[in-house]
Structure formats: C-alpha cells, structure tokens
C-alpha atoms as a PDB file:
ATOM      1  CA  UNK A   1      21.174 -27.613 -13.026  1.00  0.00           C
ATOM      2  CA  UNK A   2      21.587 -26.625 -16.677  1.00  0.00           C
ATOM      3  CA  UNK A   3      25.010 -26.824 -18.294  1.00  0.00           C
ATOM      4  CA  UNK A   4      26.958 -23.598 -17.749  1.00  0.00           C
ATOM      5  CA  UNK A   5      29.560 -21.831 -19.839  1.00  0.00           C
ATOM      6  CA  UNK A   6      31.356 -18.495 -19.996  1.00  0.00           C
ATOM      7  CA  UNK A   7      30.454 -15.614 -22.312  1.00  0.00           C
ATOM      8  CA  UNK A   8      33.518 -15.045 -24.420  1.00  0.00           C
ATOM      9  CA  UNK A   9      34.175 -11.278 -24.721  1.00  0.00           C
ATOM     10  CA  UNK A  10      36.973 -10.480 -22.250  1.00  0.00           C
ATOM     11  CA  UNK A  11      36.404  -6.707 -22.509  1.00  0.00           C
ATOM     12  CA  UNK A  12      32.670  -6.950 -21.898  1.00  0.00           C
ATOM     13  CA  UNK A  13      31.036  -5.523 -18.793  1.00  0.00           C
ATOM     14  CA  UNK A  14      30.284  -8.486 -16.543  1.00  0.00           C
ATOM     15  CA  UNK A  15      26.671  -8.261 -15.392  1.00  0.00           C
ATOM     16  CA  UNK A  16      24.617 -10.453 -13.073  1.00  0.00           C
ATOM     17  CA  UNK A  17      20.880 -10.705 -12.461  1.00  0.00           C
ATOM     18  CA  UNK A  18      19.450 -11.262  -8.989  1.00  0.00           C
ATOM     19  CA  UNK A  19      15.834 -12.412  -9.115  1.00  0.00           C
ATOM     20  CA  UNK A  20      14.426 -14.288 -12.110  1.00  0.00           C
ATOM     21  CA  UNK A  21      10.724 -13.638 -11.614  1.00  0.00           C
ATOM     22  CA  UNK A  22       8.444 -11.705 -13.974  1.00  0.00           C
ATOM     23  CA  UNK A  23      10.828  -8.779 -14.600  1.00  0.00           C
ATOM     24  CA  UNK A  24      14.087 -10.614 -13.986  1.00  0.00           C
ATOM     25  CA  UNK A  25      13.420 -12.989 -16.872  1.00  0.00           C
ATOM     26  CA  UNK A  26      13.150 -10.050 -19.269  1.00  0.00           C
ATOM     27  CA  UNK A  27      16.375  -8.547 -17.944  1.00  0.00           C
ATOM     28  CA  UNK A  28      18.052 -11.924 -18.452  1.00  0.00           C
ATOM     29  CA  UNK A  29      16.740 -12.214 -22.010  1.00  0.00           C
ATOM     30  CA  UNK A  30      17.882  -8.745 -23.060  1.00  0.00           C
ATOM     31  CA  UNK A  31      21.266  -8.770 -21.322  1.00  0.00           C
ATOM     32  CA  UNK A  32      22.070 -12.118 -22.918  1.00  0.00           C
ATOM     33  CA  UNK A  33      21.845 -10.487 -26.361  1.00  0.00           C
ATOM     34  CA  UNK A  34      23.582  -7.171 -25.673  1.00  0.00           C
ATOM     35  CA  UNK A  35      26.926  -6.380 -27.259  1.00  0.00           C
ATOM     36  CA  UNK A  36      29.846  -5.619 -24.946  1.00  0.00           C
ATOM     37  CA  UNK A  37      27.956  -7.246 -22.055  1.00  0.00           C
ATOM     38  CA  UNK A  38      28.738 -10.630 -20.531  1.00  0.00           C
ATOM     39  CA  UNK A  39      25.788 -12.056 -18.624  1.00  0.00           C
ATOM     40  CA  UNK A  40      28.136 -13.803 -16.246  1.00  0.00           C
ATOM     41  CA  UNK A  41      26.023 -14.916 -13.286  1.00  0.00           C
ATOM     42  CA  UNK A  42      22.460 -15.181 -12.028  1.00  0.00           C
ATOM     43  CA  UNK A  43      20.821 -15.800  -8.684  1.00  0.00           C
ATOM     44  CA  UNK A  44      17.372 -16.708  -7.442  1.00  0.00           C
ATOM     45  CA  UNK A  45      16.230 -18.304  -4.194  1.00  0.00           C
ATOM     46  CA  UNK A  46      14.331 -20.890  -6.248  1.00  0.00           C
ATOM     47  CA  UNK A  47      16.732 -23.293  -8.038  1.00  0.00           C
ATOM     48  CA  UNK A  48      13.929 -24.611 -10.254  1.00  0.00           C
ATOM     49  CA  UNK A  49      13.314 -21.077 -11.520  1.00  0.00           C
ATOM     50  CA  UNK A  50      16.990 -20.723 -12.442  1.00  0.00           C
ATOM     51  CA  UNK A  51      16.836 -24.014 -14.329  1.00  0.00           C
ATOM     52  CA  UNK A  52      13.655 -23.019 -16.140  1.00  0.00           C
ATOM     53  CA  UNK A  53      14.880 -19.584 -17.239  1.00  0.00           C
ATOM     54  CA  UNK A  54      18.256 -20.842 -18.463  1.00  0.00           C
ATOM     55  CA  UNK A  55      16.707 -23.808 -20.268  1.00  0.00           C
ATOM     56  CA  UNK A  56      14.105 -21.668 -22.030  1.00  0.00           C
ATOM     57  CA  UNK A  57      16.638 -19.074 -23.170  1.00  0.00           C
ATOM     58  CA  UNK A  58      19.112 -21.721 -24.314  1.00  0.00           C
ATOM     59  CA  UNK A  59      16.391 -23.363 -26.387  1.00  0.00           C
ATOM     60  CA  UNK A  60      15.662 -20.027 -28.092  1.00  0.00           C
ATOM     61  CA  UNK A  61      19.242 -18.885 -28.661  1.00  0.00           C
ATOM     62  CA  UNK A  62      20.683 -22.196 -29.872  1.00  0.00           C
ATOM     63  CA  UNK A  63      19.075 -21.462 -33.228  1.00  0.00           C
ATOM     64  CA  UNK A  64      20.142 -17.837 -33.437  1.00  0.00           C
ATOM     65  CA  UNK A  65      23.302 -16.678 -31.718  1.00  0.00           C
ATOM     66  CA  UNK A  66      25.013 -19.488 -29.921  1.00  0.00           C
ATOM     67  CA  UNK A  67      25.845 -19.869 -26.272  1.00  0.00           C
ATOM     68  CA  UNK A  68      24.769 -17.069 -23.919  1.00  0.00           C
ATOM     69  CA  UNK A  69      24.327 -19.092 -20.739  1.00  0.00           C
ATOM     70  CA  UNK A  70      25.975 -17.501 -17.670  1.00  0.00           C
ATOM     71  CA  UNK A  71      28.896 -19.350 -16.129  1.00  0.00           C
ATOM     72  CA  UNK A  72      27.649 -19.257 -12.551  1.00  0.00           C
ATOM     73  CA  UNK A  73      24.239 -19.727 -10.912  1.00  0.00           C
ATOM     74  CA  UNK A  74      23.482 -19.675  -7.210  1.00  0.00           C
ATOM     75  CA  UNK A  75      20.571 -19.472  -4.809  1.00  0.00           C
ATOM     76  CA  UNK A  76      22.760 -17.183  -2.667  1.00  0.00           C
ATOM     77  CA  UNK A  77      23.347 -13.878  -4.464  1.00  0.00           C
ATOM     78  CA  UNK A  78      26.469 -13.197  -2.422  1.00  0.00           C
ATOM     79  CA  UNK A  79      28.185 -16.070  -4.217  1.00  0.00           C
ATOM     80  CA  UNK A  80      27.970 -14.362  -7.607  1.00  0.00           C
ATOM     81  CA  UNK A  81      29.307 -10.943  -6.556  1.00  0.00           C
ATOM     82  CA  UNK A  82      33.022 -11.730  -7.141  1.00  0.00           C
ATOM     83  CA  UNK A  83      32.155 -12.656 -10.752  1.00  0.00           C
ATOM     84  CA  UNK A  84      30.495  -9.414 -11.854  1.00  0.00           C
ATOM     85  CA  UNK A  85      31.067  -5.667 -12.304  1.00  0.00           C
ATOM     86  CA  UNK A  86      27.404  -4.616 -12.208  1.00  0.00           C
ATOM     87  CA  UNK A  87      24.112  -6.174 -11.177  1.00  0.00           C
ATOM     88  CA  UNK A  88      20.404  -5.981 -11.916  1.00  0.00           C
ATOM     89  CA  UNK A  89      18.203  -6.460  -8.846  1.00  0.00           C
ATOM     90  CA  UNK A  90      14.739  -7.711  -9.803  1.00  0.00           C
ATOM     91  CA  UNK A  91      13.604  -9.225  -6.518  1.00  0.00           C
ATOM     92  CA  UNK A  92      10.483  -8.318  -4.512  1.00  0.00           C
ATOM     93  CA  UNK A  93      10.705  -4.719  -3.252  1.00  0.00           C
ATOM     94  CA  UNK A  94      11.138  -5.777   0.370  1.00  0.00           C
ATOM     95  CA  UNK A  95      14.517  -7.308  -0.513  1.00  0.00           C
ATOM     96  CA  UNK A  96      15.862  -4.386  -2.568  1.00  0.00           C
ATOM     97  CA  UNK A  97      17.614  -2.558   0.250  1.00  0.00           C
ATOM     98  CA  UNK A  98      19.652  -5.363   1.881  1.00  0.00           C
ATOM     99  CA  UNK A  99      20.659  -6.813  -1.480  1.00  0.00           C
ATOM    100  CA  UNK A 100      21.587  -3.424  -2.966  1.00  0.00           C
ATOM    101  CA  UNK A 101      23.680  -2.526   0.088  1.00  0.00           C
ATOM    102  CA  UNK A 102      25.572  -5.828  -0.107  1.00  0.00           C
ATOM    103  CA  UNK A 103      26.239  -5.253  -3.812  1.00  0.00           C
ATOM    104  CA  UNK A 104      27.393  -1.670  -3.310  1.00  0.00           C
ATOM    105  CA  UNK A 105      29.659  -2.698  -0.430  1.00  0.00           C
ATOM    106  CA  UNK A 106      31.181  -5.231  -2.814  1.00  0.00           C
ATOM    107  CA  UNK A 107      31.863  -2.279  -5.188  1.00  0.00           C
ATOM    108  CA  UNK A 108      29.288  -3.266  -7.804  1.00  0.00           C
ATOM    109  CA  UNK A 109      27.227  -0.823  -9.847  1.00  0.00           C
ATOM    110  CA  UNK A 110      23.529  -1.411  -9.279  1.00  0.00           C
ATOM    111  CA  UNK A 111      20.357  -1.333 -11.350  1.00  0.00           C
ATOM    112  CA  UNK A 112      17.230  -1.720  -9.166  1.00  0.00           C
ATOM    113  CA  UNK A 113      13.724  -2.360 -10.417  1.00  0.00           C
ATOM    114  CA  UNK A 114      11.080   0.126  -9.287  1.00  0.00           C
ATOM    115  CA  UNK A 115      10.076   1.055  -6.680  1.00  0.00           C
ATOM    116  CA  UNK A 116      13.592   1.635  -5.411  1.00  0.00           C
ATOM    117  CA  UNK A 117      12.720   0.394  -1.907  1.00  0.00           C
ATOM    118  CA  UNK A 118       9.780  -0.113   0.417  1.00  0.00           C
ATOM    119  CA  UNK A 119      10.612   2.921   2.578  1.00  0.00           C
ATOM    120  CA  UNK A 120      12.304   6.301   2.226  1.00  0.00           C
ATOM    121  CA  UNK A 121      14.788   5.384   4.946  1.00  0.00           C
ATOM    122  CA  UNK A 122      15.941   2.392   2.897  1.00  0.00           C
ATOM    123  CA  UNK A 123      16.253   4.543  -0.226  1.00  0.00           C
ATOM    124  CA  UNK A 124      18.423   7.007   1.701  1.00  0.00           C
ATOM    125  CA  UNK A 125      20.743   4.201   2.799  1.00  0.00           C
ATOM    126  CA  UNK A 126      21.280   3.121  -0.819  1.00  0.00           C
ATOM    127  CA  UNK A 127      21.797   6.683  -2.051  1.00  0.00           C
ATOM    128  CA  UNK A 128      24.377   7.403   0.656  1.00  0.00           C
ATOM    129  CA  UNK A 129      26.251   4.115   0.154  1.00  0.00           C
ATOM    130  CA  UNK A 130      26.475   4.626  -3.616  1.00  0.00           C
ATOM    131  CA  UNK A 131      27.628   8.217  -3.143  1.00  0.00           C
ATOM    132  CA  UNK A 132      30.299   7.220  -0.625  1.00  0.00           C
ATOM    133  CA  UNK A 133      31.701   4.591  -2.982  1.00  0.00           C
ATOM    134  CA  UNK A 134      31.341   6.522  -6.242  1.00  0.00           C
ATOM    135  CA  UNK A 135      29.124   3.841  -7.788  1.00  0.00           C
ATOM    136  CA  UNK A 136      26.223   4.120 -10.243  1.00  0.00           C
ATOM    137  CA  UNK A 137      22.687   3.346  -9.112  1.00  0.00           C
ATOM    138  CA  UNK A 138      19.937   3.411 -11.724  1.00  0.00           C
ATOM    139  CA  UNK A 139      16.280   2.609 -11.019  1.00  0.00           C
ATOM    140  CA  UNK A 140      13.987   0.819 -13.450  1.00  0.00           C
ATOM    141  CA  UNK A 141      11.233   3.328 -14.142  1.00  0.00           C
ATOM    142  CA  UNK A 142      10.907   1.810 -17.595  1.00  0.00           C
ATOM    143  CA  UNK A 143       8.012   4.033 -18.728  1.00  0.00           C
ATOM    144  CA  UNK A 144      10.533   6.871 -19.042  1.00  0.00           C
ATOM    145  CA  UNK A 145      11.741   4.876 -22.053  1.00  0.00           C
ATOM    146  CA  UNK A 146       8.347   4.401 -23.656  1.00  0.00           C
ATOM    147  CA  UNK A 147       8.832   5.476 -27.302  1.00  0.00           C
ATOM    148  CA  UNK A 148       5.789   7.763 -27.122  1.00  0.00           C
ATOM    149  CA  UNK A 149       7.055   9.594 -24.038  1.00  0.00           C
ATOM    150  CA  UNK A 150      10.581   9.879 -25.476  1.00  0.00           C
ATOM    151  CA  UNK A 151       9.149  11.482 -28.625  1.00  0.00           C
ATOM    152  CA  UNK A 152       6.747  13.732 -26.698  1.00  0.00           C
ATOM    153  CA  UNK A 153       9.485  15.159 -24.472  1.00  0.00           C
ATOM    154  CA  UNK A 154      10.760  17.242 -27.400  1.00  0.00           C
ATOM    155  CA  UNK A 155       7.278  18.747 -27.825  1.00  0.00           C
ATOM    156  CA  UNK A 156       6.703  19.641 -24.172  1.00  0.00           C
ATOM    157  CA  UNK A 157       7.687  23.215 -23.366  1.00  0.00           C
ATOM    158  CA  UNK A 158       5.572  24.849 -20.657  1.00  0.00           C
ATOM    159  CA  UNK A 159       2.956  22.360 -19.440  1.00  0.00           C
ATOM    160  CA  UNK A 160      -0.054  23.794 -17.606  1.00  0.00           C
ATOM    161  CA  UNK A 161      -2.045  20.655 -16.840  1.00  0.00           C
ATOM    162  CA  UNK A 162      -1.396  16.897 -17.053  1.00  0.00           C
ATOM    163  CA  UNK A 163      -3.930  14.103 -16.890  1.00  0.00           C
ATOM    164  CA  UNK A 164      -2.936  10.422 -16.668  1.00  0.00           C
ATOM    165  CA  UNK A 165      -4.915   7.182 -16.714  1.00  0.00           C
ATOM    166  CA  UNK A 166      -3.329   3.790 -16.053  1.00  0.00           C
ATOM    167  CA  UNK A 167      -5.735   0.847 -15.779  1.00  0.00           C
ATOM    168  CA  UNK A 168      -5.034  -2.896 -15.761  1.00  0.00           C
ATOM    169  CA  UNK A 169      -6.727  -6.214 -15.031  1.00  0.00           C
ATOM    170  CA  UNK A 170      -6.064  -7.745 -11.617  1.00  0.00           C
ATOM    171  CA  UNK A 171      -3.160 -10.224 -11.739  1.00  0.00           C
ATOM    172  CA  UNK A 172      -1.752 -12.555  -9.085  1.00  0.00           C
ATOM    173  CA  UNK A 173       1.394 -10.597  -8.296  1.00  0.00           C
ATOM    174  CA  UNK A 174      -0.697  -7.500  -7.430  1.00  0.00           C
ATOM    175  CA  UNK A 175      -2.466  -8.976  -4.403  1.00  0.00           C
ATOM    176  CA  UNK A 176       0.271  -7.966  -1.954  1.00  0.00           C
ATOM    177  CA  UNK A 177       0.926  -4.394  -3.110  1.00  0.00           C
ATOM    178  CA  UNK A 178      -1.148  -1.200  -3.317  1.00  0.00           C
ATOM    179  CA  UNK A 179      -2.010  -0.216  -6.875  1.00  0.00           C
ATOM    180  CA  UNK A 180      -0.364   3.125  -6.139  1.00  0.00           C
ATOM    181  CA  UNK A 181       3.040   1.502  -5.620  1.00  0.00           C
ATOM    182  CA  UNK A 182       2.495  -1.012  -8.411  1.00  0.00           C
ATOM    183  CA  UNK A 183       1.058   1.176 -11.192  1.00  0.00           C
ATOM    184  CA  UNK A 184       0.546   4.803 -10.175  1.00  0.00           C
ATOM    185  CA  UNK A 185       4.206   5.287  -9.297  1.00  0.00           C
ATOM    186  CA  UNK A 186       5.001   5.079 -13.033  1.00  0.00           C
ATOM    187  CA  UNK A 187       2.893   8.164 -13.720  1.00  0.00           C
ATOM    188  CA  UNK A 188       4.091   9.922 -10.568  1.00  0.00           C
ATOM    189  CA  UNK A 189       7.655   9.558 -11.866  1.00  0.00           C
ATOM    190  CA  UNK A 190       6.671  10.754 -15.355  1.00  0.00           C
ATOM    191  CA  UNK A 191       4.821  13.795 -14.000  1.00  0.00           C
ATOM    192  CA  UNK A 192       7.762  14.699 -11.753  1.00  0.00           C
ATOM    193  CA  UNK A 193      10.152  14.436 -14.712  1.00  0.00           C
ATOM    194  CA  UNK A 194       7.946  16.811 -16.713  1.00  0.00           C
ATOM    195  CA  UNK A 195       7.142  19.240 -13.889  1.00  0.00           C
ATOM    196  CA  UNK A 196      10.722  19.781 -12.687  1.00  0.00           C
ATOM    197  CA  UNK A 197       9.236  21.681  -9.758  1.00  0.00           C
ATOM    198  CA  UNK A 198       8.563  21.078  -6.093  1.00  0.00           C
ATOM    199  CA  UNK A 199       5.233  19.598  -5.107  1.00  0.00           C
ATOM    200  CA  UNK A 200       2.987  22.152  -3.378  1.00  0.00           C
ATOM    201  CA  UNK A 201      -0.075  20.108  -2.423  1.00  0.00           C
ATOM    202  CA  UNK A 202      -1.542  16.648  -2.941  1.00  0.00           C
ATOM    203  CA  UNK A 203      -5.062  15.294  -2.518  1.00  0.00           C
ATOM    204  CA  UNK A 204      -6.144  11.717  -3.140  1.00  0.00           C
ATOM    205  CA  UNK A 205      -9.000   9.249  -2.853  1.00  0.00           C
ATOM    206  CA  UNK A 206      -9.091   5.511  -3.387  1.00  0.00           C
ATOM    207  CA  UNK A 207     -10.531   2.229  -2.212  1.00  0.00           C
ATOM    208  CA  UNK A 208      -9.936  -1.421  -1.483  1.00  0.00           C
ATOM    209  CA  UNK A 209     -12.325  -3.347  -3.702  1.00  0.00           C
ATOM    210  CA  UNK A 210     -11.125  -6.874  -4.522  1.00  0.00           C
ATOM    211  CA  UNK A 211      -8.018  -7.187  -2.349  1.00  0.00           C
ATOM    212  CA  UNK A 212      -6.824  -6.046   1.059  1.00  0.00           C
ATOM    213  CA  UNK A 213      -4.723  -3.372  -0.662  1.00  0.00           C
ATOM    214  CA  UNK A 214      -5.659  -0.177  -2.539  1.00  0.00           C
ATOM    215  CA  UNK A 215      -7.174  -1.248  -5.881  1.00  0.00           C
ATOM    216  CA  UNK A 216      -8.317   2.103  -7.325  1.00  0.00           C
ATOM    217  CA  UNK A 217      -6.915   5.581  -6.754  1.00  0.00           C
ATOM    218  CA  UNK A 218      -7.051   9.146  -7.990  1.00  0.00           C
ATOM    219  CA  UNK A 219      -4.638  11.914  -7.009  1.00  0.00           C
ATOM    220  CA  UNK A 220      -4.469  15.650  -7.685  1.00  0.00           C
ATOM    221  CA  UNK A 221      -1.001  17.182  -7.456  1.00  0.00           C
ATOM    222  CA  UNK A 222      -0.220  20.891  -7.480  1.00  0.00           C
ATOM    223  CA  UNK A 223       3.315  22.162  -8.114  1.00  0.00           C
ATOM    224  CA  UNK A 224       5.058  25.413  -7.164  1.00  0.00           C
ATOM    225  CA  UNK A 225       5.392  26.422 -10.831  1.00  0.00           C
ATOM    226  CA  UNK A 226       1.615  26.366 -11.298  1.00  0.00           C
ATOM    227  CA  UNK A 227       1.380  22.987 -13.012  1.00  0.00           C
ATOM    228  CA  UNK A 228      -1.505  20.769 -11.908  1.00  0.00           C
ATOM    229  CA  UNK A 229      -1.846  17.033 -12.555  1.00  0.00           C
ATOM    230  CA  UNK A 230      -4.646  14.526 -12.031  1.00  0.00           C
ATOM    231  CA  UNK A 231      -3.575  10.877 -11.928  1.00  0.00           C
ATOM    232  CA  UNK A 232      -6.003   7.941 -12.102  1.00  0.00           C
ATOM    233  CA  UNK A 233      -5.147   4.275 -11.680  1.00  0.00           C
ATOM    234  CA  UNK A 234      -6.864   0.972 -11.029  1.00  0.00           C
ATOM    235  CA  UNK A 235      -6.583  -2.779 -11.539  1.00  0.00           C
ATOM    236  CA  UNK A 236     -10.248  -3.590 -12.102  1.00  0.00           C
ATOM    237  CA  UNK A 237     -10.273  -2.984 -15.847  1.00  0.00           C
ATOM    238  CA  UNK A 238     -10.868  -5.782 -18.406  1.00  0.00           C
ATOM    239  CA  UNK A 239      -7.928  -4.490 -20.463  1.00  0.00           C
ATOM    240  CA  UNK A 240      -4.866  -2.252 -20.226  1.00  0.00           C
ATOM    241  CA  UNK A 241      -5.132   1.510 -20.675  1.00  0.00           C
ATOM    242  CA  UNK A 242      -2.124   3.840 -20.515  1.00  0.00           C
ATOM    243  CA  UNK A 243      -2.953   7.438 -21.417  1.00  0.00           C
ATOM    244  CA  UNK A 244      -1.304  10.781 -20.718  1.00  0.00           C
ATOM    245  CA  UNK A 245      -2.622  14.168 -21.815  1.00  0.00           C
ATOM    246  CA  UNK A 246      -0.381  17.226 -21.588  1.00  0.00           C
ATOM    247  CA  UNK A 247      -1.999  20.647 -22.000  1.00  0.00           C
ATOM    248  CA  UNK A 248       0.041  23.720 -22.932  1.00  0.00           C
ATOM    249  CA  UNK A 249      -0.903  27.159 -24.216  1.00  0.00           C
ATOM    250  CA  UNK A 250      -2.707  26.637 -27.579  1.00  0.00           C
ATOM    251  CA  UNK A 251      -1.468  23.051 -27.925  1.00  0.00           C
ATOM    252  CA  UNK A 252      -2.035  19.687 -26.258  1.00  0.00           C
ATOM    253  CA  UNK A 253      -0.557  16.225 -26.612  1.00  0.00           C
ATOM    254  CA  UNK A 254      -2.355  12.876 -26.318  1.00  0.00           C
ATOM    255  CA  UNK A 255      -0.050   9.958 -25.515  1.00  0.00           C
ATOM    256  CA  UNK A 256      -1.228   6.354 -25.750  1.00  0.00           C
ATOM    257  CA  UNK A 257       1.595   4.507 -24.023  1.00  0.00           C
ATOM    258  CA  UNK A 258       0.032   1.108 -24.603  1.00  0.00           C
ATOM    259  CA  UNK A 259      -0.660   1.332 -28.340  1.00  0.00           C
ATOM    260  CA  UNK A 260       2.372   3.601 -28.974  1.00  0.00           C
ATOM    261  CA  UNK A 261       0.593   6.520 -30.627  1.00  0.00           C
ATOM    262  CA  UNK A 262       1.055  10.262 -30.174  1.00  0.00           C
ATOM    263  CA  UNK A 263      -1.326  12.986 -31.336  1.00  0.00           C
ATOM    264  CA  UNK A 264      -0.768  16.739 -31.290  1.00  0.00           C
ATOM    265  CA  UNK A 265      -3.726  19.145 -31.109  1.00  0.00           C
ATOM    266  CA  UNK A 266      -3.110  22.791 -32.087  1.00  0.00           C
ATOM    267  CA  UNK A 267      -5.459  25.767 -31.825  1.00  0.00           C
ATOM    268  CA  UNK A 268      -5.842  27.441 -35.208  1.00  0.00           C
ATOM    269  CA  UNK A 269      -8.241  30.370 -35.108  1.00  0.00           C
ATOM    270  CA  UNK A 270     -11.464  29.079 -33.576  1.00  0.00           C
ATOM    271  CA  UNK A 271     -10.816  25.413 -34.359  1.00  0.00           C
ATOM    272  CA  UNK A 272      -8.424  22.691 -33.260  1.00  0.00           C
ATOM    273  CA  UNK A 273      -6.250  20.869 -35.780  1.00  0.00           C
ATOM    274  CA  UNK A 274      -5.121  17.353 -34.850  1.00  0.00           C
ATOM    275  CA  UNK A 275      -2.222  15.422 -36.310  1.00  0.00           C
ATOM    276  CA  UNK A 276      -0.522  12.142 -35.509  1.00  0.00           C
ATOM    277  CA  UNK A 277       3.172  12.452 -34.699  1.00  0.00           C
ATOM    278  CA  UNK A 278       5.482   9.740 -36.002  1.00  0.00           C
ATOM    279  CA  UNK A 279       7.060   7.638 -33.265  1.00  0.00           C
ATOM    280  CA  UNK A 280      10.104   5.392 -33.643  1.00  0.00           C
ATOM    281  CA  UNK A 281       9.455   2.048 -31.977  1.00  0.00           C
ATOM    282  CA  UNK A 282      11.990   0.232 -29.806  1.00  0.00           C
ATOM    283  CA  UNK A 283      11.971  -2.006 -26.737  1.00  0.00           C
ATOM    284  CA  UNK A 284      12.009   0.283 -23.672  1.00  0.00           C
ATOM    285  CA  UNK A 285      13.727  -2.200 -21.351  1.00  0.00           C
ATOM    286  CA  UNK A 286      16.502  -2.786 -23.865  1.00  0.00           C
ATOM    287  CA  UNK A 287      17.098   0.970 -24.210  1.00  0.00           C
ATOM    288  CA  UNK A 288      17.022   1.324 -20.421  1.00  0.00           C
ATOM    289  CA  UNK A 289      19.642  -1.384 -19.887  1.00  0.00           C
ATOM    290  CA  UNK A 290      21.799   0.052 -22.674  1.00  0.00           C
ATOM    291  CA  UNK A 291      21.807   3.372 -20.818  1.00  0.00           C
ATOM    292  CA  UNK A 292      22.776   1.641 -17.581  1.00  0.00           C
ATOM    293  CA  UNK A 293      25.744  -0.051 -19.248  1.00  0.00           C
ATOM    294  CA  UNK A 294      26.688   3.231 -20.934  1.00  0.00           C
ATOM    295  CA  UNK A 295      26.610   5.240 -17.696  1.00  0.00           C
ATOM    296  CA  UNK A 296      28.805   2.634 -15.975  1.00  0.00           C
ATOM    297  CA  UNK A 297      31.336   2.601 -18.821  1.00  0.00           C
ATOM    298  CA  UNK A 298      31.440   6.392 -19.318  1.00  0.00           C
ATOM    299  CA  UNK A 299      31.122   7.362 -15.643  1.00  0.00           C
ATOM    300  CA  UNK A 300      28.017   9.473 -16.299  1.00  0.00           C
ATOM    301  CA  UNK A 301      24.899  10.045 -14.229  1.00  0.00           C
ATOM    302  CA  UNK A 302      22.115   7.499 -14.891  1.00  0.00           C
ATOM    303  CA  UNK A 303      19.006   8.778 -16.714  1.00  0.00           C
ATOM    304  CA  UNK A 304      16.842   7.800 -13.718  1.00  0.00           C
ATOM    305  CA  UNK A 305      18.864   8.307 -10.557  1.00  0.00           C
ATOM    306  CA  UNK A 306      18.200   6.810  -7.151  1.00  0.00           C
ATOM    307  CA  UNK A 307      17.326  10.305  -5.913  1.00  0.00           C
ATOM    308  CA  UNK A 308      14.668  10.720  -8.610  1.00  0.00           C
ATOM    309  CA  UNK A 309      13.289   7.294  -7.754  1.00  0.00           C
ATOM    310  CA  UNK A 310      13.211   8.288  -4.079  1.00  0.00           C
ATOM    311  CA  UNK A 311      11.235  11.424  -4.993  1.00  0.00           C
ATOM    312  CA  UNK A 312       8.680   9.315  -6.872  1.00  0.00           C
ATOM    313  CA  UNK A 313       8.419   6.946  -3.920  1.00  0.00           C
ATOM    314  CA  UNK A 314       7.999   9.838  -1.480  1.00  0.00           C
ATOM    315  CA  UNK A 315       5.125  11.370  -3.450  1.00  0.00           C
ATOM    316  CA  UNK A 316       3.472   7.983  -3.932  1.00  0.00           C
ATOM    317  CA  UNK A 317       3.640   7.356  -0.181  1.00  0.00           C
ATOM    318  CA  UNK A 318       2.033  10.771   0.406  1.00  0.00           C
ATOM    319  CA  UNK A 319      -0.770   9.766  -1.964  1.00  0.00           C
ATOM    320  CA  UNK A 320      -1.146   6.447  -0.124  1.00  0.00           C
ATOM    321  CA  UNK A 321      -1.409   8.206   3.210  1.00  0.00           C
ATOM    322  CA  UNK A 322      -3.962  10.688   1.877  1.00  0.00           C
ATOM    323  CA  UNK A 323      -6.105   7.817   0.590  1.00  0.00           C
ATOM    324  CA  UNK A 324      -5.972   5.913   3.857  1.00  0.00           C
ATOM    325  CA  UNK A 325      -6.946   9.022   5.823  1.00  0.00           C
ATOM    326  CA  UNK A 326     -10.069   9.360   3.652  1.00  0.00           C
ATOM    327  CA  UNK A 327     -13.173   7.596   4.987  1.00  0.00           C
ATOM    328  CA  UNK A 328     -14.079   6.400   1.484  1.00  0.00           C
ATOM    329  CA  UNK A 329     -11.059   4.097   1.603  1.00  0.00           C
ATOM    330  CA  UNK A 330     -12.803   1.828   4.111  1.00  0.00           C
ATOM    331  CA  UNK A 331     -16.468   2.456   3.237  1.00  0.00           C
ATOM    332  CA  UNK A 332     -16.069   1.314  -0.372  1.00  0.00           C
ATOM    333  CA  UNK A 333     -14.759  -2.101   0.677  1.00  0.00           C
ATOM    334  CA  UNK A 334     -16.943  -4.929  -0.688  1.00  0.00           C
END
C-alpha cells in the first residue's frame, strides 16, 4: 500500500471517496486539490485500484502542490466512516443504496453519483433516512453543470419544445446497463429541470443491437404546461454528440454540450438572425463538488436533490418500460 499521510487543514471538511473506478478517480483528483477540503480517506473493494489511484495522483502532485494523499485507505468502506464528515459514493449503481444508508446512519453527508439508485424504492429509503437525520444528499447529475447549460438557463423563459441528442461509442462499462439509464437519464434530468411541470404522457421506442441491453432509444415526453420534448440516445456512434435545442416564441437556442458552444436564433421580420453566445468555461465536476461542500457548510439545499434525482430515475424507468413493451425492441435484435 502507498505511503499515507494526513491533509493538514484542521478546519477543512473531511471528505472520503468510496469507489475509485472511472468516476471515482475524477472525484479523488478534484477533491485532493480543493481548498477547505481534506481528502481524508478512500475505499475500494480492489486494493490494487487504491494503490494505483494514490500512486498516480502522488506522482502528479509532488511537482505542484505537495502531499494530498489521504491518511486512511480500506477495502471496507465502513472502516473509513469515523474519519470523515461527508462522502462521495462512486460505486456501481447496485451498491448505492446499502452504502448510502450506512453512511447516513453514521451521520455523514452524502454525494451519490447518478443514477441515485437502481430502483425507486431504494431512492425513497435514502430520501427518508437523510430527511430523518437532517443530512445533505446531493446526486451527481453533472450535466447540470455543463458551462453551456449554465449559460443557457438565463436565456430560457417559456420553452415550447425541446429536442435532445446524446450519442456515444460503445464502451466496456456500458455492457451491463441500458443506454437509457447510462446516457438518456442526463437529458431526462435536464428536461425536467427546464420544464418544472408534471409529466403528462410518455412514448418511447428502442432496441437491443450490440448488447443484451437497450442500445438505442427515442422518447417523446409531454408535460402539463404544454411543453413537449423529444429525446434521442444511442451508443452506436463513432463519436460523441451532445446537443440540445430549446424552442421558444420567436427565439431558439442550440446547445452543443460536447464542444461547449451556444447559439441563439432570433426571428427578425421574415428572417432568422443567429449569434454565438459567449460561454465561460470551467470543469463541471469541480463546480458540482464545490456546491456539495458549500451546501454542507452553509446548511443549504443541494442544487440537485435526491428527490430530483428520483424524479429523473422514475421517468427514465417509464421510458424503459415503454420501450420493452414495444415489439420493435425485440425484432430489431441482431
């Protein structure tokens, strides 16, 4: 195991990371550099992964900012709970609920990567436990912090129609999860945050193509306030595409979440004038974790609450069910 030492700021919020896989490594990297945060402990069921992550970060930071290695590592996450005030859970979704409940029952504030849980019943258990104990629970819908979306929010007034497209290549970690829960849930959460209305109806189609899970999907959502949204996702694309179009009366917005560009299109007479809107760039995950630390310190509601994450999960499950009830889901299998 790598040499361990204690972060020095006694007044810092003591944070731990549980799960050092694809997302957990990024949480580790960012938390290790944050002011007023002590990355005190980490846990992963794979001891070699702990060693690798700590070694790699130490090699990078030795040249820049000194020692940021946590003072305790364990393959059993329960062992690190007495050492921390708050925790980031970046494990596979199936483990979110039991780990989060243990952390909450140990009076720790919790940040959970999306989706919040595998089922709505599990999400409800977390929400109730956090409420009973007066603890903060934030969920990692990181696209809410995309610089383009943050900038566009100020320009969205009364949306009439939203269209999203989120395409990616197929990667190893996607083989055991439906593309709806892996990718589409990002856009479901974004659309819900814009709509701020109850869902009225949902229709969806999709197919298994290269895996035993849903690989491509399209959903149409209608809201009580009259807003309609069409969401498209898939993991059969040679490259990444992340687009959102928001249509309002006499104006529309085109958001490229991947290339971080925002264009505004305004009706002027019988023609449409287009202009690029300036966007301030920042790292979304860093901003997200800063908000988590801030809400814990100031006792404020997290920007993405567990209830909002549950709503996104609920709608995504409805889309999943609609796809699986459609005959095309099976007939398109190759």
